[in-house]
N, C-alpha and C. Protein backbone atom coordinates (compact mmCIF):
# COMPACT_ATOMS: atom_id res chain seq x y z
N UNK A 1 -11.61 33.31 9.57
CA UNK A 1 -12.59 32.62 8.38
C UNK A 1 -12.11 31.12 8.32
N UNK A 2 -13.16 30.14 8.17
CA UNK A 2 -12.84 28.60 8.17
C UNK A 2 -12.85 28.41 6.79
N UNK A 3 -11.76 27.93 6.37
CA UNK A 3 -11.32 27.65 4.73
C UNK A 3 -11.29 26.01 4.43
N UNK A 4 -11.77 25.29 5.38
CA UNK A 4 -12.09 24.01 5.08
C UNK A 4 -12.80 23.33 3.62
N UNK A 5 -13.92 24.40 3.43
CA UNK A 5 -14.87 24.27 2.35
C UNK A 5 -14.21 24.95 1.20
N UNK A 6 -13.03 25.48 1.12
CA UNK A 6 -12.75 26.25 0.03
C UNK A 6 -12.55 25.37 -1.19
N UNK A 7 -13.07 25.65 -2.23
CA UNK A 7 -12.97 24.79 -3.36
C UNK A 7 -11.55 24.77 -4.01
N UNK A 8 -10.71 25.77 -3.92
CA UNK A 8 -9.32 25.65 -4.43
C UNK A 8 -8.61 24.60 -3.64
N UNK A 9 -8.89 24.13 -2.38
CA UNK A 9 -8.23 23.31 -1.79
C UNK A 9 -8.65 21.82 -2.67
N UNK A 10 -10.11 21.57 -2.71
CA UNK A 10 -10.33 20.39 -3.48
C UNK A 10 -9.80 20.18 -4.89
N UNK A 11 -9.83 21.39 -5.43
CA UNK A 11 -9.14 21.28 -6.86
C UNK A 11 -7.75 20.93 -7.03
N UNK A 12 -7.05 21.79 -5.99
CA UNK A 12 -5.52 21.32 -5.77
C UNK A 12 -5.41 19.73 -5.33
N UNK A 13 -6.09 19.35 -4.81
CA UNK A 13 -5.88 18.00 -4.37
C UNK A 13 -6.20 16.91 -5.62
N UNK A 14 -7.35 17.34 -6.21
CA UNK A 14 -7.60 16.60 -7.47
C UNK A 14 -6.57 16.84 -8.62
N UNK A 15 -6.05 17.71 -8.71
CA UNK A 15 -5.11 18.03 -9.59
C UNK A 15 -3.70 17.29 -9.28
N UNK A 16 -3.45 17.03 -8.04
CA UNK A 16 -2.21 16.42 -7.55
C UNK A 16 -2.58 14.65 -7.88
N UNK A 17 -3.67 14.27 -8.11
CA UNK A 17 -4.06 12.85 -8.54
C UNK A 17 -4.37 12.75 -9.95
N UNK A 18 -3.41 12.71 -10.83
CA UNK A 18 -3.63 12.59 -12.27
C UNK A 18 -4.18 11.17 -12.48
N UNK A 19 -4.48 10.76 -13.70
CA UNK A 19 -5.07 9.46 -14.20
C UNK A 19 -4.07 8.54 -14.51
N UNK A 20 -3.51 7.86 -13.44
CA UNK A 20 -2.05 6.93 -13.58
C UNK A 20 -2.43 5.94 -14.64
N UNK A 21 -3.68 5.53 -14.72
CA UNK A 21 -4.22 4.23 -15.27
C UNK A 21 -3.44 4.47 -16.86
N UNK A 22 -3.47 5.74 -17.36
CA UNK A 22 -3.11 5.79 -18.88
C UNK A 22 -1.73 5.44 -19.00
N UNK A 23 -0.91 5.35 -17.83
CA UNK A 23 0.77 4.81 -18.06
C UNK A 23 0.57 3.43 -17.88
N UNK A 24 -0.43 2.65 -17.37
CA UNK A 24 -0.35 1.16 -17.38
C UNK A 24 0.67 0.71 -16.79
N UNK A 25 1.60 -0.31 -17.73
CA UNK A 25 2.56 -1.15 -17.18
C UNK A 25 3.90 -0.21 -17.09
N UNK A 26 3.92 0.96 -17.77
CA UNK A 26 4.92 1.90 -17.80
C UNK A 26 5.37 2.22 -16.22
N UNK A 27 4.48 2.20 -15.47
CA UNK A 27 4.65 2.77 -14.25
C UNK A 27 5.28 1.71 -13.22
N UNK A 28 6.47 1.98 -12.72
CA UNK A 28 7.31 1.28 -11.94
C UNK A 28 7.55 1.65 -10.69
N UNK A 29 7.80 3.13 -10.54
CA UNK A 29 7.99 3.79 -9.38
C UNK A 29 7.16 4.97 -9.44
N UNK A 30 6.54 5.30 -8.25
CA UNK A 30 5.86 6.73 -8.02
C UNK A 30 6.35 7.45 -6.77
N UNK A 31 6.39 8.77 -7.00
CA UNK A 31 6.69 9.67 -5.88
C UNK A 31 5.46 9.51 -4.99
N UNK A 32 5.59 9.69 -3.65
CA UNK A 32 4.79 9.48 -2.68
C UNK A 32 3.56 10.63 -2.87
N UNK A 33 3.71 11.70 -3.32
CA UNK A 33 2.87 12.53 -3.59
C UNK A 33 1.78 12.10 -4.52
N UNK A 34 1.92 11.00 -5.35
CA UNK A 34 1.04 10.39 -6.36
C UNK A 34 0.41 9.14 -5.73
N UNK A 35 0.69 8.81 -4.64
CA UNK A 35 0.17 7.41 -4.09
C UNK A 35 -1.41 7.69 -3.37
N UNK A 36 -2.07 6.89 -3.70
CA UNK A 36 -3.68 6.77 -3.61
C UNK A 36 -3.97 5.52 -2.57
N UNK A 37 -4.94 5.58 -1.98
CA UNK A 37 -5.37 4.50 -0.89
C UNK A 37 -5.47 3.16 -1.77
N UNK A 38 -5.20 2.15 -1.07
CA UNK A 38 -5.30 0.82 -1.58
C UNK A 38 -4.26 0.50 -2.89
N UNK A 39 -3.25 1.15 -2.83
CA UNK A 39 -2.00 0.87 -3.71
C UNK A 39 -1.30 -0.09 -3.23
N UNK A 40 -0.75 -1.05 -3.90
CA UNK A 40 0.06 -2.16 -3.41
C UNK A 40 1.63 -2.09 -4.11
N UNK A 41 2.55 -2.18 -3.28
CA UNK A 41 4.00 -2.05 -3.48
C UNK A 41 4.64 -3.32 -3.23
N UNK A 42 5.65 -3.59 -4.01
CA UNK A 42 6.61 -4.62 -3.51
C UNK A 42 7.98 -4.32 -3.48
N UNK A 43 8.88 -4.82 -2.52
CA UNK A 43 10.16 -4.81 -2.41
C UNK A 43 10.58 -3.97 -1.34
N UNK A 44 9.65 -3.72 -0.29
CA UNK A 44 10.02 -3.14 1.01
C UNK A 44 11.03 -3.86 1.78
N UNK A 45 12.11 -3.49 1.92
CA UNK A 45 13.09 -4.01 2.79
C UNK A 45 12.77 -4.51 4.17
N UNK A 46 12.92 -5.72 4.47
CA UNK A 46 12.71 -6.26 5.73
C UNK A 46 13.27 -5.39 6.94
N UNK A 47 14.48 -5.03 6.73
CA UNK A 47 15.28 -4.05 7.66
C UNK A 47 14.43 -2.71 7.93
N UNK A 48 14.07 -2.10 6.83
CA UNK A 48 13.30 -1.06 7.01
C UNK A 48 12.04 -1.11 7.57
N UNK A 49 11.20 -2.35 7.20
CA UNK A 49 10.23 -2.31 7.87
C UNK A 49 10.10 -2.72 9.45
N UNK A 50 11.20 -3.46 9.54
CA UNK A 50 11.62 -3.76 10.98
C UNK A 50 11.64 -2.13 11.64
N UNK A 51 12.27 -1.12 11.02
CA UNK A 51 12.84 -0.10 11.39
C UNK A 51 11.49 0.87 11.82
N UNK A 52 10.64 0.61 10.78
CA UNK A 52 9.45 1.36 10.89
C UNK A 52 8.51 0.90 11.94
N UNK A 53 8.35 -0.41 11.98
CA UNK A 53 7.06 -0.89 12.70
C UNK A 53 7.49 -1.29 14.24
N UNK A 54 8.95 -1.42 14.33
CA UNK A 54 9.59 -1.90 15.61
C UNK A 54 9.61 -3.31 15.94
N UNK A 55 8.76 -4.08 14.95
CA UNK A 55 8.68 -5.61 15.25
C UNK A 55 8.59 -6.48 14.03
N UNK A 56 8.00 -6.06 12.87
CA UNK A 56 7.84 -6.68 11.84
C UNK A 56 9.04 -6.68 11.03
N UNK A 57 9.29 -7.78 10.42
CA UNK A 57 8.91 -9.27 10.42
C UNK A 57 9.33 -9.63 11.79
N UNK A 58 8.69 -10.94 12.09
CA UNK A 58 9.05 -11.82 13.21
C UNK A 58 10.57 -12.18 13.00
N UNK A 59 10.92 -12.47 11.95
CA UNK A 59 12.33 -13.06 11.82
C UNK A 59 12.90 -12.29 10.41
N UNK A 60 14.15 -12.03 10.62
CA UNK A 60 14.84 -11.59 9.50
C UNK A 60 15.51 -12.75 8.77
N UNK A 61 15.05 -13.08 7.38
CA UNK A 61 15.83 -14.25 6.75
C UNK A 61 16.54 -14.04 5.96
N UNK A 62 17.42 -14.66 5.61
CA UNK A 62 18.47 -14.32 4.54
C UNK A 62 17.96 -14.90 3.14
N UNK A 63 16.94 -15.81 3.02
CA UNK A 63 16.47 -16.12 1.84
C UNK A 63 15.39 -15.35 1.37
N UNK A 64 14.63 -14.43 2.28
CA UNK A 64 13.67 -13.52 1.83
C UNK A 64 14.01 -12.21 2.55
N UNK A 65 14.08 -11.20 1.72
CA UNK A 65 14.69 -10.33 2.69
C UNK A 65 13.69 -8.74 2.28
N UNK A 66 12.48 -9.05 1.55
CA UNK A 66 11.69 -8.10 1.34
C UNK A 66 10.11 -8.44 1.47
N UNK A 67 9.15 -7.69 1.80
CA UNK A 67 7.91 -8.02 1.79
C UNK A 67 7.15 -6.77 1.09
N UNK A 68 5.73 -6.97 0.52
CA UNK A 68 4.93 -5.86 0.04
C UNK A 68 4.47 -5.01 1.10
N UNK A 69 3.91 -4.00 0.79
CA UNK A 69 3.19 -3.13 1.68
C UNK A 69 1.95 -2.55 0.93
N UNK A 70 0.93 -2.24 1.77
CA UNK A 70 -0.30 -1.98 1.08
C UNK A 70 -0.60 -0.43 1.89
N UNK A 71 -1.02 0.58 1.02
CA UNK A 71 -1.44 1.77 1.31
C UNK A 71 -2.82 1.83 1.87
N UNK A 72 -3.01 1.94 3.25
CA UNK A 72 -4.15 1.76 3.91
C UNK A 72 -4.86 3.28 3.81
N UNK A 73 -4.19 4.43 4.03
CA UNK A 73 -4.79 5.58 3.93
C UNK A 73 -3.82 6.72 3.38
N UNK A 74 -4.11 7.35 2.13
CA UNK A 74 -3.38 8.42 1.53
C UNK A 74 -3.44 9.61 2.47
N UNK A 75 -2.66 10.41 2.59
CA UNK A 75 -2.64 11.85 3.39
C UNK A 75 -1.94 12.94 2.75
N UNK A 76 -2.07 14.11 2.73
CA UNK A 76 -1.45 15.19 2.19
C UNK A 76 -0.04 15.33 3.23
N UNK A 77 -0.10 14.76 4.41
CA UNK A 77 1.15 14.90 5.29
C UNK A 77 2.07 13.71 5.48
N UNK A 78 1.30 12.57 4.86
CA UNK A 78 2.16 11.27 5.18
C UNK A 78 1.32 10.19 5.02
N UNK A 79 1.61 9.07 4.44
CA UNK A 79 0.83 7.82 4.36
C UNK A 79 0.95 6.90 5.15
N UNK A 80 -0.48 6.28 5.51
CA UNK A 80 -0.47 5.08 6.34
C UNK A 80 -0.45 3.80 5.70
N UNK A 81 0.60 3.11 5.89
CA UNK A 81 0.76 1.73 5.24
C UNK A 81 0.86 0.59 6.29
N UNK A 82 0.62 -0.60 5.78
CA UNK A 82 0.73 -1.89 6.61
C UNK A 82 1.58 -2.82 5.82
N UNK A 83 2.37 -3.71 6.42
CA UNK A 83 3.17 -4.76 5.58
C UNK A 83 1.90 -5.67 5.22
N UNK A 84 2.49 -6.56 4.20
CA UNK A 84 1.70 -7.71 3.65
C UNK A 84 2.56 -9.02 3.78
N UNK A 85 1.89 -10.13 3.87
CA UNK A 85 2.52 -11.31 4.03
C UNK A 85 1.76 -12.52 3.27
N UNK A 86 2.40 -13.35 2.78
CA UNK A 86 1.70 -14.69 2.11
C UNK A 86 1.14 -15.44 2.92
N UNK A 87 1.81 -15.38 4.35
CA UNK A 87 1.51 -16.38 5.25
C UNK A 87 0.66 -15.56 6.22
N UNK A 88 -0.77 -16.33 6.33
CA UNK A 88 -1.56 -15.71 7.32
C UNK A 88 -2.83 -16.40 7.45
N UNK A 89 -3.86 -16.05 7.95
CA UNK A 89 -5.05 -17.07 8.25
C UNK A 89 -6.32 -15.97 7.90
N UNK A 90 -7.33 -16.37 7.03
CA UNK A 90 -8.28 -15.57 6.49
C UNK A 90 -9.46 -15.14 7.47
N UNK A 91 -9.48 -15.83 8.85
CA UNK A 91 -9.97 -15.59 10.09
C UNK A 91 -9.67 -14.85 10.93
N UNK A 92 -8.27 -14.46 10.66
CA UNK A 92 -7.43 -13.31 11.56
C UNK A 92 -7.09 -12.17 10.76
N UNK A 93 -6.87 -11.92 9.49
CA UNK A 93 -6.69 -10.99 8.70
C UNK A 93 -7.33 -10.54 7.44
N UNK A 94 -7.52 -9.51 7.26
CA UNK A 94 -8.12 -9.07 5.79
C UNK A 94 -6.98 -9.53 4.89
N UNK A 95 -7.53 -9.74 3.60
CA UNK A 95 -6.58 -10.22 2.71
C UNK A 95 -6.98 -9.52 1.20
N UNK A 96 -5.87 -9.72 0.55
CA UNK A 96 -6.17 -9.25 -1.12
C UNK A 96 -6.15 -10.83 -1.74
N UNK A 97 -7.10 -11.13 -2.36
CA UNK A 97 -7.47 -12.45 -2.86
C UNK A 97 -6.80 -12.56 -3.96
N UNK A 98 -6.28 -13.88 -4.07
CA UNK A 98 -5.45 -14.56 -5.16
C UNK A 98 -6.29 -14.55 -6.39
N UNK A 99 -5.61 -14.07 -7.44
CA UNK A 99 -6.46 -13.78 -8.91
C UNK A 99 -7.06 -12.18 -9.13
N UNK A 100 -6.76 -11.40 -8.10
CA UNK A 100 -7.15 -10.41 -8.11
C UNK A 100 -6.35 -9.61 -9.31
N UNK A 101 -7.15 -8.91 -10.05
CA UNK A 101 -6.68 -7.89 -11.04
C UNK A 101 -6.58 -6.51 -10.79
N UNK A 102 -5.39 -6.23 -10.75
CA UNK A 102 -5.04 -4.77 -10.14
C UNK A 102 -5.65 -3.47 -11.03
N UNK A 103 -5.83 -2.60 -10.62
CA UNK A 103 -6.10 -1.33 -11.26
C UNK A 103 -4.99 -0.56 -11.66
N UNK A 104 -4.83 0.08 -12.93
CA UNK A 104 -3.64 1.02 -13.30
C UNK A 104 -2.48 0.21 -13.96
N UNK A 105 -2.65 -1.08 -13.75
CA UNK A 105 -1.36 -1.81 -14.25
C UNK A 105 -1.82 -3.52 -14.75
N UNK A 106 -1.38 -4.20 -15.57
CA UNK A 106 -1.85 -5.48 -15.81
C UNK A 106 -1.27 -6.35 -15.23
N UNK A 107 -1.45 -6.43 -13.68
CA UNK A 107 -0.88 -7.26 -12.65
C UNK A 107 -2.23 -8.05 -12.01
N UNK A 108 -1.65 -9.30 -11.76
CA UNK A 108 -2.73 -10.13 -10.96
C UNK A 108 -1.98 -10.92 -9.77
N UNK A 109 -2.72 -10.71 -8.64
CA UNK A 109 -1.95 -11.43 -7.45
C UNK A 109 -2.20 -12.67 -7.74
N UNK A 110 -0.77 -13.32 -7.48
CA UNK A 110 -0.64 -14.92 -7.74
C UNK A 110 -0.70 -15.64 -6.33
N UNK A 111 -1.31 -15.16 -5.26
CA UNK A 111 -1.48 -15.74 -4.21
C UNK A 111 -2.20 -14.59 -3.17
N UNK A 112 -2.87 -15.13 -2.17
CA UNK A 112 -3.55 -14.56 -1.32
C UNK A 112 -2.28 -13.38 -0.53
N UNK A 113 -2.86 -12.30 -0.33
CA UNK A 113 -1.61 -11.42 0.36
C UNK A 113 -2.44 -10.95 1.64
N UNK A 114 -1.92 -11.38 2.96
CA UNK A 114 -2.66 -10.88 4.13
C UNK A 114 -2.12 -9.37 4.56
N UNK A 115 -2.84 -8.58 4.78
CA UNK A 115 -2.66 -7.41 5.34
C UNK A 115 -2.31 -7.16 6.95
N UNK A 116 -1.17 -7.00 7.00
CA UNK A 116 -0.73 -7.18 8.46
C UNK A 116 -0.99 -5.66 9.25
N UNK A 117 -2.25 -5.46 9.79
CA UNK A 117 -2.52 -4.13 9.92
C UNK A 117 -2.16 -3.97 11.48
N UNK A 118 -1.96 -4.89 12.08
CA UNK A 118 -1.40 -4.66 13.59
C UNK A 118 -0.11 -3.96 13.62
N UNK A 119 0.67 -3.90 12.29
CA UNK A 119 1.92 -3.11 12.21
C UNK A 119 1.77 -1.75 11.42
N UNK A 120 0.92 -1.05 11.68
CA UNK A 120 0.92 0.02 10.57
C UNK A 120 2.01 1.09 10.85
N UNK A 121 2.46 1.91 9.77
CA UNK A 121 3.29 2.73 10.08
C UNK A 121 3.38 4.07 9.10
N UNK A 122 3.52 5.07 9.51
CA UNK A 122 3.42 6.32 8.53
C UNK A 122 4.64 6.72 7.92
N UNK A 123 4.71 7.19 6.53
CA UNK A 123 5.75 7.50 6.05
C UNK A 123 5.63 8.76 5.64
N UNK A 124 6.54 9.89 5.75
CA UNK A 124 6.42 11.14 5.34
C UNK A 124 6.52 11.08 3.79
N UNK A 125 5.96 12.24 2.99
CA UNK A 125 5.97 12.42 1.50
C UNK A 125 7.19 12.45 1.13
N UNK A 126 8.37 11.88 1.15
CA UNK A 126 9.68 12.15 0.45
C UNK A 126 10.15 10.80 0.00
N UNK A 127 11.32 10.81 -0.37
CA UNK A 127 11.73 9.68 -1.09
C UNK A 127 12.50 8.48 -0.42
N UNK A 128 12.85 8.69 0.89
CA UNK A 128 13.62 7.85 1.56
C UNK A 128 13.21 6.40 1.59
N UNK A 129 11.91 6.22 1.72
CA UNK A 129 11.24 4.78 2.05
C UNK A 129 10.79 4.43 0.41
N UNK A 130 10.33 5.25 -0.18
CA UNK A 130 9.66 4.94 -1.50
C UNK A 130 10.71 4.47 -2.68
N UNK A 131 12.07 4.87 -2.59
CA UNK A 131 12.90 4.64 -3.62
C UNK A 131 13.20 3.12 -4.02
N UNK A 132 12.88 2.39 -3.11
CA UNK A 132 13.13 0.80 -3.18
C UNK A 132 11.72 0.19 -3.61
N UNK A 133 10.59 0.91 -3.51
CA UNK A 133 9.33 0.21 -3.77
C UNK A 133 9.06 0.20 -5.20
N UNK A 134 8.40 -0.99 -5.80
CA UNK A 134 7.75 -0.98 -7.11
C UNK A 134 6.47 -1.10 -6.98
N UNK A 135 5.74 -0.13 -7.69
CA UNK A 135 4.34 -0.29 -7.83
C UNK A 135 3.65 -1.41 -8.52
N UNK A 136 2.85 -1.95 -7.94
CA UNK A 136 2.30 -3.37 -8.58
C UNK A 136 0.87 -3.04 -8.98
N UNK A 137 0.20 -2.05 -8.33
CA UNK A 137 -1.11 -1.64 -8.84
C UNK A 137 -1.96 -1.16 -7.91
N UNK A 138 -3.29 -0.73 -8.15
CA UNK A 138 -4.10 -0.35 -7.06
C UNK A 138 -5.21 -1.57 -6.96
N UNK A 139 -5.37 -1.93 -5.43
CA UNK A 139 -6.29 -3.05 -5.42
C UNK A 139 -7.71 -2.66 -5.25
N UNK A 140 -8.61 -3.10 -6.16
CA UNK A 140 -9.87 -2.85 -5.93
C UNK A 140 -10.47 -3.30 -4.82
N UNK A 141 -11.46 -2.36 -4.31
CA UNK A 141 -11.98 -2.66 -2.97
C UNK A 141 -12.80 -4.07 -2.92
N UNK A 142 -13.24 -4.67 -4.09
CA UNK A 142 -13.90 -5.82 -4.27
C UNK A 142 -12.98 -7.13 -4.05
N UNK A 143 -11.62 -6.91 -4.07
CA UNK A 143 -10.51 -7.76 -3.85
C UNK A 143 -10.11 -7.99 -2.55
N UNK A 144 -10.63 -7.04 -1.69
CA UNK A 144 -10.22 -7.16 -0.20
C UNK A 144 -11.14 -7.91 0.59
N UNK A 145 -10.69 -9.06 0.96
CA UNK A 145 -11.62 -9.95 1.68
C UNK A 145 -11.53 -9.68 3.23
N UNK A 146 -12.56 -9.80 3.91
CA UNK A 146 -12.77 -10.02 5.43
C UNK A 146 -13.61 -10.91 5.82
N UNK A 147 -13.03 -11.97 6.27
CA UNK A 147 -13.65 -13.18 6.83
C UNK A 147 -13.22 -13.34 8.19
N UNK A 148 -12.88 -12.23 9.28
CA UNK A 148 -12.72 -12.35 10.38
C UNK A 148 -13.94 -12.41 11.16
N UNK A 149 -13.98 -13.04 12.24
CA UNK A 149 -15.43 -13.05 13.05
C UNK A 149 -15.82 -11.74 13.53
N UNK A 150 -16.99 -11.49 13.57
CA UNK A 150 -17.72 -10.23 13.99
C UNK A 150 -18.02 -10.13 15.39
N UNK A 151 -17.30 -9.30 16.22
CA UNK A 151 -17.69 -9.36 17.80
C UNK A 151 -19.18 -9.22 18.12
């Protein structure tokens, strides 16, 4: 019997995703099971990003030791993320526009944040990577810009 269309599965997934916006700025940290696509987190250690991606960041500097990360796709088995950087070019990378008002929190992007999607990585739904991250908000789709040339 094929159970992909089982309504209980859809209900279970829905119940696992509560309306986090009611908590607003009280949200500092979220367990990975509550993460949703387009969430933005700050505080990912550069050393951990290097371990996960095998090559990002290009240099490990002493004056900056973290980068933000963006949740490309949430999954029940593990989430696909990419690092972000304030350094980039809008014709080469998608980016979150400066001035973007986040959903779920009263946060505003103070600069463009480029999605470094050539370094995606998957993390399991556990606390090892998540414990250092600070939830910044969920990026509305309208704030993600793509000015890359079309092939």
